[in-house]
N, C-alpha and C. Protein backbone atom coordinates (compact mmCIF):
# COMPACT_ATOMS: atom_id res chain seq x y z
N TYR A 1 110.75 58.17 144.96
CA TYR A 1 109.87 57.48 143.72
C TYR A 1 109.20 58.44 143.11
N LYS A 2 108.97 59.61 144.02
CA LYS A 2 108.56 60.67 143.52
C LYS A 2 108.64 61.13 141.77
N GLY A 3 107.80 61.17 141.10
CA GLY A 3 107.84 61.43 139.71
C GLY A 3 108.13 60.40 138.57
N LYS A 4 108.08 59.08 139.24
CA LYS A 4 107.95 57.73 138.46
C LYS A 4 106.67 57.31 138.36
N GLY A 5 106.65 56.43 137.31
CA GLY A 5 105.20 55.94 137.39
C GLY A 5 105.68 54.25 137.72
N VAL A 6 104.38 53.80 138.34
CA VAL A 6 104.57 52.30 138.93
C VAL A 6 103.67 51.72 137.42
N PHE A 7 102.41 51.76 137.59
CA PHE A 7 101.42 51.04 136.70
C PHE A 7 101.07 52.00 135.33
N VAL A 8 101.27 53.61 135.70
CA VAL A 8 101.00 54.45 135.07
C VAL A 8 102.44 55.26 134.21
N LEU A 9 102.56 54.79 133.26
CA LEU A 9 104.44 55.67 132.98
C LEU A 9 103.97 56.77 131.94
N THR A 10 105.21 57.61 132.67
CA THR A 10 105.11 58.88 131.72
C THR A 10 105.41 58.53 130.05
N HIS A 11 105.20 59.53 129.28
CA HIS A 11 105.53 59.15 127.83
C HIS A 11 107.22 58.44 127.89
N LYS A 12 107.56 59.51 128.36
CA LYS A 12 109.49 59.47 128.73
C LYS A 12 110.04 58.45 129.22
N GLU A 13 109.04 57.90 130.16
CA GLU A 13 109.53 56.61 130.77
C GLU A 13 109.11 55.12 129.99
N PHE A 14 107.90 55.26 128.98
CA PHE A 14 108.05 54.55 127.81
C PHE A 14 108.71 54.05 127.10
N LEU A 15 108.90 55.54 126.44
CA LEU A 15 110.09 55.75 125.44
C LEU A 15 111.21 55.13 125.56
N THR A 16 111.71 54.98 127.16
CA THR A 16 113.35 54.68 127.42
C THR A 16 113.10 53.01 127.66
N MET A 17 111.81 52.39 128.07
CA MET A 17 111.74 51.29 128.00
C MET A 17 111.17 50.46 126.98
N ARG A 18 110.47 51.15 126.05
CA ARG A 18 110.01 50.32 124.78
C ARG A 18 111.08 49.44 123.90
N HIS A 19 112.27 49.93 124.08
CA HIS A 19 113.27 48.95 122.75
C HIS A 19 113.44 47.65 123.82
N GLN A 20 113.31 47.66 124.97
CA GLN A 20 113.60 46.79 125.76
C GLN A 20 112.14 45.74 126.19
N LEU A 21 110.79 46.08 125.54
CA LEU A 21 109.83 44.98 126.04
C LEU A 21 110.02 44.34 125.20
N THR A 22 109.58 42.86 125.53
CA THR A 22 109.19 41.64 124.82
C THR A 22 107.60 41.84 123.86
N GLN A 23 107.43 41.32 122.75
CA GLN A 23 106.09 41.06 122.14
C GLN A 23 104.99 40.75 123.46
N PHE A 24 105.13 40.13 124.48
CA PHE A 24 104.26 39.64 125.42
C PHE A 24 103.98 41.17 126.52
N GLU A 25 105.16 41.54 126.52
CA GLU A 25 105.20 42.76 127.10
C GLU A 25 104.56 43.95 127.08
N MET A 26 104.56 43.98 125.48
CA MET A 26 103.95 45.23 124.17
C MET A 26 102.17 44.97 124.62
N GLU A 27 102.27 44.03 124.85
CA GLU A 27 100.51 43.71 125.02
C GLU A 27 99.78 44.12 126.16
N LEU A 28 100.81 44.05 127.04
CA LEU A 28 100.31 44.78 128.60
C LEU A 28 100.25 46.00 128.37
N ILE A 29 100.97 46.85 127.69
CA ILE A 29 101.09 48.37 127.81
C ILE A 29 99.83 48.97 127.17
N LYS A 30 99.10 49.76 127.70
CA LYS A 30 98.21 50.35 127.01
C LYS A 30 98.15 51.76 126.94
N PRO A 31 97.38 52.43 125.67
CA PRO A 31 97.60 54.14 125.92
C PRO A 31 96.58 54.28 126.96
N PHE A 32 96.98 55.27 128.09
CA PHE A 32 96.38 55.99 129.26
C PHE A 32 96.20 57.47 128.99
N PHE A 33 94.75 57.60 129.51
CA PHE A 33 94.18 59.18 129.34
C PHE A 33 93.72 59.71 130.57
N SER A 34 93.76 61.12 130.62
CA SER A 34 93.20 61.35 132.23
C SER A 34 92.02 62.53 131.79
N ALA A 35 91.09 62.37 132.84
CA ALA A 35 90.14 63.15 132.40
C ALA A 35 90.30 64.53 131.86
N ASN A 36 91.18 65.51 132.40
CA ASN A 36 91.58 66.28 131.77
C ASN A 36 92.06 66.77 130.36
N GLN A 37 91.84 65.59 129.89
CA GLN A 37 91.68 65.58 128.26
C GLN A 37 90.53 65.16 127.31
N ILE A 38 89.30 65.38 128.39
CA ILE A 38 88.00 65.03 127.87
C ILE A 38 87.13 66.42 128.05
N ASN A 39 86.53 66.64 126.77
CA ASN A 39 85.84 68.11 126.64
C ASN A 39 84.48 67.40 126.52
N SER A 40 83.66 68.16 126.22
CA SER A 40 82.14 67.96 125.71
C SER A 40 82.55 68.05 124.04
N TYR A 41 81.91 66.75 123.83
CA TYR A 41 82.14 66.28 122.44
C TYR A 41 83.32 65.73 121.81
N ASP A 42 84.43 65.76 122.52
CA ASP A 42 85.64 65.32 122.13
C ASP A 42 86.52 65.29 123.13
N VAL A 43 87.88 64.54 122.52
CA VAL A 43 88.72 63.96 123.53
C VAL A 43 90.14 64.40 122.78
N GLU A 44 91.25 64.80 123.33
CA GLU A 44 92.24 64.94 122.96
C GLU A 44 93.11 63.85 122.74
N MET A 45 93.42 63.43 121.52
CA MET A 45 93.68 62.16 121.01
C MET A 45 94.74 61.46 121.51
N ASP A 46 96.20 62.35 121.57
CA ASP A 46 97.30 62.13 121.91
C ASP A 46 97.45 61.55 123.56
N ASN A 47 97.73 60.53 123.36
CA ASN A 47 97.82 60.11 124.88
C ASN A 47 99.20 60.87 125.40
N TYR A 48 99.75 60.94 126.85
CA TYR A 48 101.09 61.38 127.08
C TYR A 48 101.77 60.16 128.28
N GLN A 49 100.53 59.52 128.60
CA GLN A 49 101.03 58.30 129.65
C GLN A 49 100.33 56.56 129.01
N TRP A 50 101.04 55.75 129.71
CA TRP A 50 100.90 54.37 129.46
C TRP A 50 100.46 54.00 130.45
N LEU A 51 99.83 52.64 130.25
CA LEU A 51 99.11 51.75 131.41
C LEU A 51 99.82 50.36 131.28
N ILE A 52 100.32 50.11 132.41
CA ILE A 52 100.58 48.68 132.60
C ILE A 52 99.60 47.74 133.01
N TYR A 53 98.61 47.49 132.12
CA TYR A 53 97.15 46.78 132.37
C TYR A 53 97.53 45.35 132.36
N THR A 54 97.58 45.20 133.84
CA THR A 54 97.40 43.71 134.40
C THR A 54 96.63 43.17 135.17
N ASP A 55 95.41 42.81 134.25
CA ASP A 55 94.13 41.97 134.95
C ASP A 55 94.77 40.47 135.59
N GLU A 56 93.76 40.21 136.18
CA GLU A 56 94.42 38.38 136.27
C GLU A 56 95.09 37.79 135.51
N LYS A 57 94.78 37.78 134.42
CA LYS A 57 95.46 36.92 132.96
C LYS A 57 97.09 37.94 133.29
N GLY A 58 96.88 38.91 132.79
CA GLY A 58 98.01 39.78 133.08
C GLY A 58 99.15 39.43 134.04
N LYS A 59 98.37 39.38 135.61
CA LYS A 59 99.24 39.53 136.42
C LYS A 59 99.89 37.45 136.49
N ASN A 60 98.76 36.51 136.23
CA ASN A 60 99.42 35.41 136.13
C ASN A 60 100.49 35.14 135.06
N LEU A 61 100.71 35.83 133.99
CA LEU A 61 101.83 36.01 133.07
C LEU A 61 102.95 36.46 133.75
N LEU A 62 102.77 37.71 134.38
CA LEU A 62 103.99 38.30 134.82
C LEU A 62 104.61 37.11 136.08
N GLU A 63 103.69 36.43 136.85
CA GLU A 63 104.60 35.89 137.99
C GLU A 63 104.86 34.51 137.87
N THR A 64 104.14 33.85 136.67
CA THR A 64 104.27 32.20 136.06
C THR A 64 105.62 32.40 134.93
N LYS A 65 105.67 33.78 133.97
CA LYS A 65 106.22 33.51 133.09
C LYS A 65 107.50 34.57 133.19
N ARG A 66 107.87 34.97 134.17
CA ARG A 66 108.65 36.06 134.43
C ARG A 66 109.80 36.24 133.10
N ASN A 67 110.58 34.88 132.52
CA ASN A 67 111.21 34.92 131.34
C ASN A 67 110.93 35.85 130.09
N LEU A 68 109.46 35.90 129.62
CA LEU A 68 108.87 36.58 128.95
C LEU A 68 108.49 37.66 128.89
N CYS A 69 108.08 38.35 130.03
CA CYS A 69 108.24 39.56 130.66
C CYS A 69 109.26 40.04 131.23
N PRO A 70 110.87 40.31 131.11
CA PRO A 70 111.69 40.56 131.87
C PRO A 70 111.51 42.32 132.20
N THR A 71 111.32 42.95 131.16
CA THR A 71 111.35 44.29 131.33
C THR A 71 110.47 44.94 132.41
N LEU A 72 109.11 44.51 132.39
CA LEU A 72 107.99 44.69 133.01
C LEU A 72 108.00 44.21 134.70
N VAL A 73 108.86 42.87 134.53
CA VAL A 73 108.85 42.62 136.00
C VAL A 73 109.84 43.45 137.03
N ASN A 74 110.94 43.41 136.26
CA ASN A 74 112.06 44.15 136.78
C ASN A 74 111.24 45.56 137.42
N HIS A 75 110.59 46.28 136.31
CA HIS A 75 110.16 47.40 136.61
C HIS A 75 109.22 47.52 138.10
N LEU A 76 108.42 46.69 137.99
CA LEU A 76 107.67 46.55 139.03
C LEU A 76 108.22 45.90 140.40
N ASP A 77 109.08 45.07 139.88
CA ASP A 77 109.99 44.71 141.47
C ASP A 77 110.29 46.03 141.74
N LYS A 78 111.04 47.19 141.50
CA LYS A 78 111.66 48.10 141.77
C LYS A 78 110.69 49.03 143.07
N TYR A 79 109.13 48.52 142.76
CA TYR A 79 107.95 49.13 143.56
C TYR A 79 106.92 48.24 144.37
N LYS A 80 107.85 47.31 144.44
CA LYS A 80 106.89 45.94 145.75
C LYS A 80 106.67 47.12 146.55
N ASP A 81 107.73 47.58 147.65
CA ASP A 81 107.13 47.92 148.95
C ASP A 81 106.10 49.14 149.12
N VAL A 82 106.07 49.73 147.71
CA VAL A 82 104.71 51.10 147.86
C VAL A 82 104.02 50.55 147.14
N ILE A 83 103.84 49.10 146.31
CA ILE A 83 102.59 48.75 145.58
C ILE A 83 101.29 48.40 146.89
N THR A 84 100.28 48.91 147.11
CA THR A 84 99.00 48.40 147.97
C THR A 84 98.15 47.60 147.15
N SER A 85 97.98 47.20 145.97
CA SER A 85 97.27 46.45 145.62
C SER A 85 96.86 45.39 146.14
N ASP A 86 95.74 45.06 146.12
CA ASP A 86 95.26 43.42 146.73
C ASP A 86 96.01 42.55 145.93
N ASN A 87 96.63 42.81 144.63
CA ASN A 87 96.81 41.92 143.50
C ASN A 87 98.41 42.11 143.29
N LYS A 88 99.07 42.73 144.25
CA LYS A 88 100.44 42.96 144.30
C LYS A 88 101.24 41.93 144.30
N PRO A 89 102.72 42.02 143.55
CA PRO A 89 103.13 43.25 143.17
C PRO A 89 102.88 43.37 141.88
N TYR A 90 102.28 42.39 140.85
CA TYR A 90 102.23 42.64 139.71
C TYR A 90 100.78 42.58 139.01
N GLY A 91 99.97 42.82 139.71
CA GLY A 91 98.38 43.23 139.36
C GLY A 91 97.49 44.54 139.98
N ILE A 92 96.99 45.27 138.78
CA ILE A 92 96.65 46.06 139.47
C ILE A 92 95.06 46.01 140.09
N ASN A 93 94.81 46.77 141.06
CA ASN A 93 93.94 46.86 141.92
C ASN A 93 92.76 46.77 141.62
N ARG A 94 91.37 45.96 141.34
CA ARG A 94 90.57 45.96 141.12
C ARG A 94 89.95 46.56 139.42
N THR A 95 90.53 45.79 138.44
CA THR A 95 90.56 46.01 137.11
C THR A 95 89.39 45.73 136.77
N LYS A 96 88.72 46.50 135.58
CA LYS A 96 87.56 46.25 135.14
C LYS A 96 87.85 45.54 134.01
N LYS A 97 86.83 45.20 133.22
CA LYS A 97 86.73 43.95 132.24
C LYS A 97 87.34 44.92 131.02
N GLU A 98 88.97 44.02 130.17
CA GLU A 98 89.60 45.13 129.24
C GLU A 98 88.58 45.53 128.38
N SER A 99 87.42 44.89 127.74
CA SER A 99 86.70 45.01 126.84
C SER A 99 85.91 46.38 126.99
N ASN A 100 85.79 46.67 127.90
CA ASN A 100 85.21 47.69 128.77
C ASN A 100 85.93 49.10 127.98
N PHE A 101 87.14 48.97 127.83
CA PHE A 101 88.14 49.71 127.46
C PHE A 101 88.47 50.04 125.93
N SER A 102 88.59 48.96 125.29
CA SER A 102 88.96 48.46 124.35
C SER A 102 87.48 48.74 123.30
N ASP A 103 86.36 48.61 123.78
CA ASP A 103 85.14 48.68 123.15
C ASP A 103 85.07 49.91 121.84
N LYS A 104 85.07 49.93 121.12
CA LYS A 104 85.25 51.14 119.97
C LYS A 104 84.07 51.78 119.84
N ASN A 105 82.88 51.72 120.85
CA ASN A 105 81.77 52.54 120.31
C ASN A 105 80.88 52.97 121.89
N LYS A 106 81.81 53.82 122.23
CA LYS A 106 81.16 53.73 123.70
C LYS A 106 81.11 55.64 123.97
N LEU A 107 80.71 55.93 125.08
CA LEU A 107 80.73 57.26 125.49
C LEU A 107 81.25 57.41 126.54
N VAL A 108 82.34 58.64 126.79
CA VAL A 108 83.06 58.72 128.53
C VAL A 108 82.76 60.23 128.92
N PHE A 109 82.70 59.90 130.65
CA PHE A 109 82.43 61.47 130.96
C PHE A 109 82.99 61.48 131.95
N VAL A 110 83.64 62.71 132.53
CA VAL A 110 84.15 63.07 133.48
C VAL A 110 83.48 63.17 134.60
N ARG A 111 83.55 62.52 136.05
CA ARG A 111 82.60 62.70 136.86
C ARG A 111 82.60 63.92 137.85
N LYS A 112 83.81 64.45 137.89
CA LYS A 112 83.74 65.82 138.52
C LYS A 112 84.21 67.16 137.68
N THR A 113 83.51 67.74 137.17
CA THR A 113 83.58 68.72 136.55
C THR A 113 82.64 69.87 136.70
N GLN A 114 82.98 70.86 136.09
CA GLN A 114 82.39 72.54 135.82
C GLN A 114 81.26 72.61 135.47
N TYR A 115 81.05 71.80 134.15
CA TYR A 115 80.10 71.66 132.91
C TYR A 115 80.20 70.38 132.54
N PRO A 116 79.04 69.88 132.26
CA PRO A 116 79.03 68.66 131.29
C PRO A 116 80.42 68.06 130.15
N LYS A 117 81.00 67.00 130.65
CA LYS A 117 81.76 66.51 129.86
C LYS A 117 81.70 65.24 128.96
N PHE A 118 81.17 64.92 127.81
CA PHE A 118 80.79 63.73 127.80
C PHE A 118 81.29 64.07 126.42
N ALA A 119 82.18 62.78 125.94
CA ALA A 119 82.71 62.67 124.76
C ALA A 119 82.35 61.20 124.02
N PHE A 120 82.23 61.30 122.55
CA PHE A 120 82.19 59.76 122.28
C PHE A 120 83.38 59.28 121.76
N ILE A 121 84.14 58.03 122.27
CA ILE A 121 85.21 57.37 121.79
C ILE A 121 85.54 56.34 120.93
N PRO A 122 85.68 56.92 119.45
CA PRO A 122 85.84 55.33 118.56
C PRO A 122 87.09 54.36 118.64
N PHE A 123 87.97 54.42 119.58
CA PHE A 123 89.76 53.75 119.90
C PHE A 123 89.24 53.25 121.47
N PRO A 124 90.27 52.43 121.56
CA PRO A 124 90.54 52.05 122.55
C PRO A 124 91.19 53.19 123.78
N PHE A 125 90.69 53.00 124.85
CA PHE A 125 90.47 54.23 125.96
C PHE A 125 90.73 53.69 127.50
N PHE A 126 91.70 53.60 127.95
CA PHE A 126 92.11 53.39 129.25
C PHE A 126 91.89 54.57 129.88
N SER A 127 91.42 54.73 131.44
CA SER A 127 91.30 55.65 132.04
C SER A 127 91.57 54.96 133.92
N ASP A 128 91.38 56.06 134.47
CA ASP A 128 90.79 55.74 136.13
C ASP A 128 89.96 56.12 136.09
N GLU A 129 89.63 56.22 137.32
CA GLU A 129 88.36 56.37 137.95
C GLU A 129 87.58 57.56 138.07
N SER A 130 88.32 58.50 137.69
CA SER A 130 87.66 59.78 137.36
C SER A 130 86.83 59.71 136.27
N VAL A 131 87.12 59.18 135.48
CA VAL A 131 86.11 58.90 134.16
C VAL A 131 85.36 57.64 134.09
N TYR A 132 83.98 57.76 133.84
CA TYR A 132 83.28 56.66 133.55
C TYR A 132 82.66 56.39 132.09
N PHE A 133 82.35 55.06 131.78
CA PHE A 133 82.43 54.71 130.40
C PHE A 133 80.52 54.54 130.46
N ILE A 134 80.04 54.99 129.28
CA ILE A 134 78.57 54.54 128.82
C ILE A 134 78.85 53.53 127.52
N LEU A 135 78.68 52.16 127.91
CA LEU A 135 78.44 51.19 126.86
C LEU A 135 77.25 50.83 126.04
N PRO A 136 77.23 50.66 124.61
CA PRO A 136 75.83 50.81 124.05
C PRO A 136 75.49 49.29 124.48
N GLN A 137 74.07 49.55 124.49
CA GLN A 137 73.10 48.03 124.42
C GLN A 137 72.65 47.70 122.93
N SER A 138 72.44 46.49 123.00
CA SER A 138 71.72 46.52 121.48
C SER A 138 70.38 46.87 121.81
N GLY A 139 69.74 47.76 120.56
CA GLY A 139 68.30 48.61 120.51
C GLY A 139 68.27 49.76 121.26
N SER A 140 69.68 50.15 121.64
CA SER A 140 69.63 51.13 122.72
C SER A 140 69.75 52.74 122.00
N TYR A 141 69.71 53.43 122.64
CA TYR A 141 69.39 54.73 121.66
C TYR A 141 70.78 55.05 120.96
N SER A 142 70.77 56.28 119.96
CA SER A 142 71.81 56.37 119.37
C SER A 142 72.87 57.01 120.45
N GLN A 143 74.36 56.71 120.13
CA GLN A 143 75.16 57.02 121.01
C GLN A 143 75.36 58.82 120.86
N PHE A 144 75.38 59.52 119.70
CA PHE A 144 75.38 60.51 119.21
C PHE A 144 74.02 61.05 119.85
N TYR A 145 72.92 60.77 119.78
CA TYR A 145 71.71 61.56 120.30
C TYR A 145 72.09 61.61 121.89
N LEU A 146 72.54 60.24 122.42
CA LEU A 146 72.55 60.81 124.05
C LEU A 146 73.96 61.78 124.31
N LEU A 147 74.60 62.04 123.54
CA LEU A 147 75.86 62.99 123.96
C LEU A 147 75.03 64.34 123.57
N SER A 148 74.35 64.54 122.72
CA SER A 148 73.80 65.81 122.70
C SER A 148 73.01 66.29 123.68
N VAL A 149 72.04 64.95 124.18
CA VAL A 149 71.08 65.65 125.28
C VAL A 149 72.42 65.64 126.74
N LEU A 150 73.32 64.92 126.96
CA LEU A 150 74.20 64.86 128.22
C LEU A 150 75.08 66.02 128.24
N ASN A 151 75.14 66.71 126.96
CA ASN A 151 75.82 67.81 126.85
C ASN A 151 75.15 68.89 126.70
N SER A 152 73.80 69.08 126.94
CA SER A 152 73.25 70.30 126.25
C SER A 152 73.09 70.80 128.24
N THR A 153 72.19 72.40 127.67
CA THR A 153 72.02 72.95 128.93
C THR A 153 71.47 72.56 129.48
N ILE A 154 69.98 71.56 129.21
CA ILE A 154 69.10 71.55 129.98
C ILE A 154 69.65 70.18 131.03
N ALA A 155 70.92 69.29 130.44
CA ALA A 155 71.25 68.35 131.39
C ALA A 155 72.21 69.14 132.54
N HIS A 156 72.83 70.18 132.19
CA HIS A 156 73.66 71.11 132.70
C HIS A 156 73.28 71.45 134.16
N PHE A 157 71.65 72.08 133.62
CA PHE A 157 70.62 72.61 134.69
C PHE A 157 70.31 71.79 135.46
N TRP A 158 69.99 70.55 135.33
CA TRP A 158 69.63 69.30 135.83
C TRP A 158 70.84 68.74 136.63
N PHE A 159 71.92 68.27 136.45
CA PHE A 159 72.99 68.03 136.97
C PHE A 159 73.41 68.99 138.46
N SER A 160 73.03 69.80 138.15
CA SER A 160 74.03 71.54 138.88
C SER A 160 72.95 71.34 140.20
N ARG A 161 71.30 70.98 140.06
CA ARG A 161 70.20 70.77 140.86
C ARG A 161 70.64 69.72 141.52
N HIS A 162 70.61 68.51 141.02
CA HIS A 162 70.71 67.20 141.84
C HIS A 162 72.21 66.33 141.99
N LYS A 163 73.08 67.09 141.23
CA LYS A 163 74.33 66.20 141.48
C LYS A 163 75.60 66.84 141.38
N THR A 164 75.76 67.46 142.60
CA THR A 164 76.99 68.39 142.72
C THR A 164 77.76 68.34 143.70
N GLN A 165 78.97 68.71 143.96
CA GLN A 165 79.73 68.46 144.83
C GLN A 165 80.60 69.73 145.14
N GLY A 166 80.44 70.71 146.16
CA GLY A 166 80.74 72.17 146.36
C GLY A 166 80.31 72.89 144.95
N ARG A 167 81.60 73.45 143.92
CA ARG A 167 80.69 73.92 142.69
C ARG A 167 80.99 73.32 141.86
N GLN A 168 81.21 72.08 141.99
CA GLN A 168 81.35 70.99 140.67
C GLN A 168 80.20 70.41 140.57
N LEU A 169 79.95 69.96 139.29
CA LEU A 169 79.09 68.82 139.19
C LEU A 169 79.81 67.74 139.66
N GLN A 170 78.93 66.58 139.98
CA GLN A 170 79.37 65.12 140.24
C GLN A 170 78.51 64.50 139.66
N ILE A 171 78.79 63.75 138.59
CA ILE A 171 77.81 62.89 137.84
C ILE A 171 78.68 61.26 137.48
N ASP A 172 77.69 60.80 138.78
CA ASP A 172 77.84 59.00 138.63
C ASP A 172 77.37 58.27 137.98
N LYS A 173 77.32 57.20 138.10
CA LYS A 173 76.82 56.25 137.14
C LYS A 173 75.40 56.11 137.12
């Protein structure tokens, strides 16, 4: 299975599969971004990977309405023996609320990095645990103000004194 995606598909795998996907299946496929696409202030907007996002609702759809999602069911069935999720074979382990990813007014940041990498993301952005999200709250500070403070030299100095792992910054929630 080396080089093959289970829940995270390469762009090539997605293109091969795309024409076979039903409308229901397309709703479960999300653009996936990795930490190396994030820089201070911006993000590389082209995604090279695609996520089969199966939270509880998606998992139930695949299990109970297999005929509406034949391509994804067949794809995931090939990996039954290697999927270790508590929600196997069709559910991702420990999914977060989809609204966290699809919110169009959020900051994202890389957890382990040489320097602070915080970026404003105005579009749906699905990622793994190497990236954290800051979602705005009503009446909170401007996202752009927070972005400038968190990417600043002063923040870098503070992180380097308080939040490191080896030679890298480790910025946690």
